[in-house]
Amino acid sequence: MGEEPENSEHAPAKRGEAAWRANLERIAERNAKAKREGKARREAYEKEKDEQRRLRELRQWAHMPARQDMG
């Protein structure tokens, strides 16, 4: 009478070491996701920074007078 059907949407609560391991896995996955997102964000930032530097160098070279060989 007070039992839940086997096809219930709710999994039985884990206890003891199983609960500890499940929590550890959940945290590890969250950390891995944060690391992936941080890496992608950093790569995008570095790419934009490199592009801005390249454009700045091109502008500098465009305004330099042509070099005359002496000799």
N, C-alpha and C. Protein backbone atom coordinates (compact mmCIF):
# COMPACT_ATOMS: atom_id res chain seq x y z
N MET A 1 0.79 -1.16 0.00
CA MET A 1 0.00 0.00 0.00
C MET A 1 0.86 1.26 0.00
N GLY A 2 1.70 1.62 0.69
CA GLY A 2 2.42 2.87 0.66
C GLY A 2 3.61 2.88 -0.28
N GLU A 3 3.74 1.85 -1.12
CA GLU A 3 4.90 1.76 -2.01
C GLU A 3 4.63 2.49 -3.32
N GLU A 4 5.70 3.03 -3.89
CA GLU A 4 5.59 3.69 -5.19
C GLU A 4 5.72 2.66 -6.29
N PRO A 5 5.07 2.88 -7.42
CA PRO A 5 5.21 1.95 -8.53
C PRO A 5 6.65 1.97 -9.07
N GLU A 6 7.06 0.86 -9.68
CA GLU A 6 8.42 0.74 -10.18
C GLU A 6 8.74 1.72 -11.30
N ASN A 7 7.76 2.11 -12.09
CA ASN A 7 8.01 3.01 -13.20
C ASN A 7 7.86 4.48 -12.80
N SER A 8 8.01 4.77 -11.56
CA SER A 8 7.89 6.14 -11.05
C SER A 8 8.97 7.03 -11.67
N GLU A 9 8.66 8.28 -11.86
CA GLU A 9 9.62 9.23 -12.44
C GLU A 9 10.72 9.59 -11.45
N HIS A 10 10.48 9.39 -10.18
CA HIS A 10 11.44 9.75 -9.15
C HIS A 10 12.31 8.54 -8.82
N ALA A 11 13.63 8.75 -8.91
CA ALA A 11 14.54 7.68 -8.52
C ALA A 11 14.61 7.65 -6.99
N PRO A 12 14.82 6.50 -6.44
CA PRO A 12 14.93 6.45 -4.98
C PRO A 12 16.17 7.24 -4.53
N ALA A 13 16.04 7.86 -3.39
CA ALA A 13 17.16 8.67 -2.89
C ALA A 13 18.34 7.77 -2.59
N LYS A 14 19.52 8.23 -3.01
CA LYS A 14 20.72 7.46 -2.72
C LYS A 14 21.17 7.77 -1.30
N ARG A 15 21.83 6.81 -0.71
CA ARG A 15 22.26 6.98 0.66
C ARG A 15 23.72 6.60 0.79
N GLY A 16 24.36 7.16 1.78
CA GLY A 16 25.73 6.77 2.12
C GLY A 16 26.72 7.06 1.00
N GLU A 17 27.55 6.06 0.73
CA GLU A 17 28.62 6.24 -0.26
C GLU A 17 28.07 6.50 -1.66
N ALA A 18 26.96 5.90 -2.01
CA ALA A 18 26.37 6.12 -3.34
C ALA A 18 25.97 7.59 -3.51
N ALA A 19 25.42 8.18 -2.46
CA ALA A 19 25.04 9.59 -2.51
C ALA A 19 26.29 10.46 -2.61
N TRP A 20 27.31 10.10 -1.87
CA TRP A 20 28.56 10.86 -1.89
C TRP A 20 29.18 10.82 -3.28
N ARG A 21 29.22 9.62 -3.89
CA ARG A 21 29.79 9.48 -5.24
C ARG A 21 28.95 10.24 -6.28
N ALA A 22 27.65 10.17 -6.17
CA ALA A 22 26.78 10.89 -7.11
C ALA A 22 27.02 12.39 -7.01
N ASN A 23 27.16 12.88 -5.80
CA ASN A 23 27.44 14.31 -5.61
C ASN A 23 28.81 14.67 -6.17
N LEU A 24 29.79 13.82 -5.95
CA LEU A 24 31.14 14.06 -6.46
C LEU A 24 31.13 14.12 -7.98
N GLU A 25 30.41 13.21 -8.62
CA GLU A 25 30.31 13.19 -10.08
C GLU A 25 29.60 14.44 -10.60
N ARG A 26 28.56 14.86 -9.90
CA ARG A 26 27.83 16.06 -10.30
C ARG A 26 28.74 17.29 -10.23
N ILE A 27 29.51 17.40 -9.17
CA ILE A 27 30.42 18.53 -9.02
C ILE A 27 31.52 18.47 -10.07
N ALA A 28 32.07 17.29 -10.33
CA ALA A 28 33.12 17.14 -11.33
C ALA A 28 32.62 17.55 -12.71
N GLU A 29 31.40 17.17 -13.05
CA GLU A 29 30.83 17.55 -14.35
C GLU A 29 30.61 19.06 -14.42
N ARG A 30 30.14 19.65 -13.34
CA ARG A 30 29.94 21.10 -13.30
C ARG A 30 31.28 21.82 -13.48
N ASN A 31 32.32 21.33 -12.82
CA ASN A 31 33.65 21.93 -12.96
C ASN A 31 34.19 21.78 -14.37
N ALA A 32 34.00 20.62 -14.97
CA ALA A 32 34.48 20.39 -16.33
C ALA A 32 33.76 21.32 -17.31
N LYS A 33 32.47 21.51 -17.11
CA LYS A 33 31.70 22.41 -17.98
C LYS A 33 32.20 23.84 -17.83
N ALA A 34 32.45 24.27 -16.61
CA ALA A 34 32.96 25.62 -16.37
C ALA A 34 34.33 25.80 -17.01
N LYS A 35 35.15 24.77 -16.94
CA LYS A 35 36.48 24.83 -17.55
C LYS A 35 36.38 24.95 -19.07
N ARG A 36 35.50 24.17 -19.68
CA ARG A 36 35.31 24.24 -21.14
C ARG A 36 34.82 25.63 -21.55
N GLU A 37 33.85 26.15 -20.81
CA GLU A 37 33.30 27.47 -21.14
C GLU A 37 34.34 28.56 -20.95
N GLY A 38 35.13 28.46 -19.90
CA GLY A 38 36.19 29.43 -19.66
C GLY A 38 37.24 29.39 -20.74
N LYS A 39 37.59 28.21 -21.18
CA LYS A 39 38.59 28.06 -22.25
C LYS A 39 38.08 28.68 -23.54
N ALA A 40 36.84 28.42 -23.88
CA ALA A 40 36.26 28.99 -25.11
C ALA A 40 36.20 30.51 -25.03
N ARG A 41 35.83 31.03 -23.86
CA ARG A 41 35.76 32.48 -23.66
C ARG A 41 37.15 33.11 -23.78
N ARG A 42 38.15 32.46 -23.18
CA ARG A 42 39.53 32.94 -23.24
C ARG A 42 40.06 32.92 -24.67
N GLU A 43 39.78 31.85 -25.42
CA GLU A 43 40.23 31.75 -26.81
C GLU A 43 39.60 32.85 -27.66
N ALA A 44 38.33 33.12 -27.45
CA ALA A 44 37.65 34.18 -28.20
C ALA A 44 38.27 35.54 -27.88
N TYR A 45 38.56 35.76 -26.59
CA TYR A 45 39.18 37.02 -26.17
C TYR A 45 40.57 37.18 -26.81
N GLU A 46 41.37 36.12 -26.77
CA GLU A 46 42.72 36.18 -27.34
C GLU A 46 42.66 36.39 -28.85
N LYS A 47 41.72 35.75 -29.51
CA LYS A 47 41.58 35.90 -30.96
C LYS A 47 41.25 37.36 -31.31
N GLU A 48 40.32 37.94 -30.56
CA GLU A 48 39.94 39.34 -30.80
C GLU A 48 41.12 40.27 -30.52
N LYS A 49 41.86 40.00 -29.45
CA LYS A 49 43.01 40.82 -29.10
C LYS A 49 44.08 40.74 -30.21
N ASP A 50 44.35 39.55 -30.72
CA ASP A 50 45.33 39.38 -31.79
C ASP A 50 44.88 40.10 -33.06
N GLU A 51 43.61 40.02 -33.37
CA GLU A 51 43.08 40.70 -34.56
C GLU A 51 43.23 42.21 -34.43
N GLN A 52 42.91 42.76 -33.25
CA GLN A 52 43.07 44.20 -33.04
C GLN A 52 44.53 44.62 -33.16
N ARG A 53 45.45 43.80 -32.63
CA ARG A 53 46.87 44.10 -32.74
C ARG A 53 47.31 44.07 -34.21
N ARG A 54 46.86 43.08 -34.96
CA ARG A 54 47.21 42.97 -36.37
C ARG A 54 46.72 44.19 -37.16
N LEU A 55 45.48 44.62 -36.90
CA LEU A 55 44.94 45.79 -37.59
C LEU A 55 45.70 47.06 -37.22
N ARG A 56 46.07 47.18 -35.95
CA ARG A 56 46.85 48.35 -35.51
C ARG A 56 48.21 48.38 -36.21
N GLU A 57 48.86 47.23 -36.33
CA GLU A 57 50.16 47.16 -37.01
C GLU A 57 50.02 47.49 -38.49
N LEU A 58 48.95 47.02 -39.12
CA LEU A 58 48.74 47.33 -40.54
C LEU A 58 48.55 48.84 -40.74
N ARG A 59 47.81 49.47 -39.85
CA ARG A 59 47.62 50.93 -39.94
C ARG A 59 48.95 51.66 -39.76
N GLN A 60 49.77 51.19 -38.84
CA GLN A 60 51.06 51.83 -38.62
C GLN A 60 51.95 51.69 -39.86
N TRP A 61 51.98 50.51 -40.44
CA TRP A 61 52.80 50.30 -41.63
C TRP A 61 52.28 51.12 -42.82
N ALA A 62 51.00 51.33 -42.91
CA ALA A 62 50.42 52.07 -44.03
C ALA A 62 50.84 53.54 -43.98
N HIS A 63 51.11 54.07 -42.80
CA HIS A 63 51.47 55.48 -42.66
C HIS A 63 52.97 55.73 -42.63
N MET A 64 53.76 54.69 -42.74
CA MET A 64 55.22 54.87 -42.72
C MET A 64 55.70 55.24 -44.12
N PRO A 65 56.66 56.18 -44.21
CA PRO A 65 57.20 56.53 -45.53
C PRO A 65 58.04 55.37 -46.07
N ALA A 66 58.13 55.31 -47.38
CA ALA A 66 58.91 54.25 -48.01
C ALA A 66 60.38 54.44 -47.63
N ARG A 67 61.07 53.35 -47.41
CA ARG A 67 62.47 53.39 -47.01
C ARG A 67 63.34 53.58 -48.24
N GLN A 68 64.27 54.49 -48.15
CA GLN A 68 65.19 54.75 -49.27
C GLN A 68 66.53 54.12 -48.93
N ASP A 69 67.04 53.31 -49.85
CA ASP A 69 68.34 52.69 -49.61
C ASP A 69 69.43 53.74 -49.76
N MET A 70 70.38 53.71 -48.87
CA MET A 70 71.50 54.66 -48.93
C MET A 70 72.71 53.90 -49.44
N GLY A 71 73.15 54.24 -50.61
CA GLY A 71 74.37 53.59 -51.05
C GLY A 71 74.42 53.30 -52.45
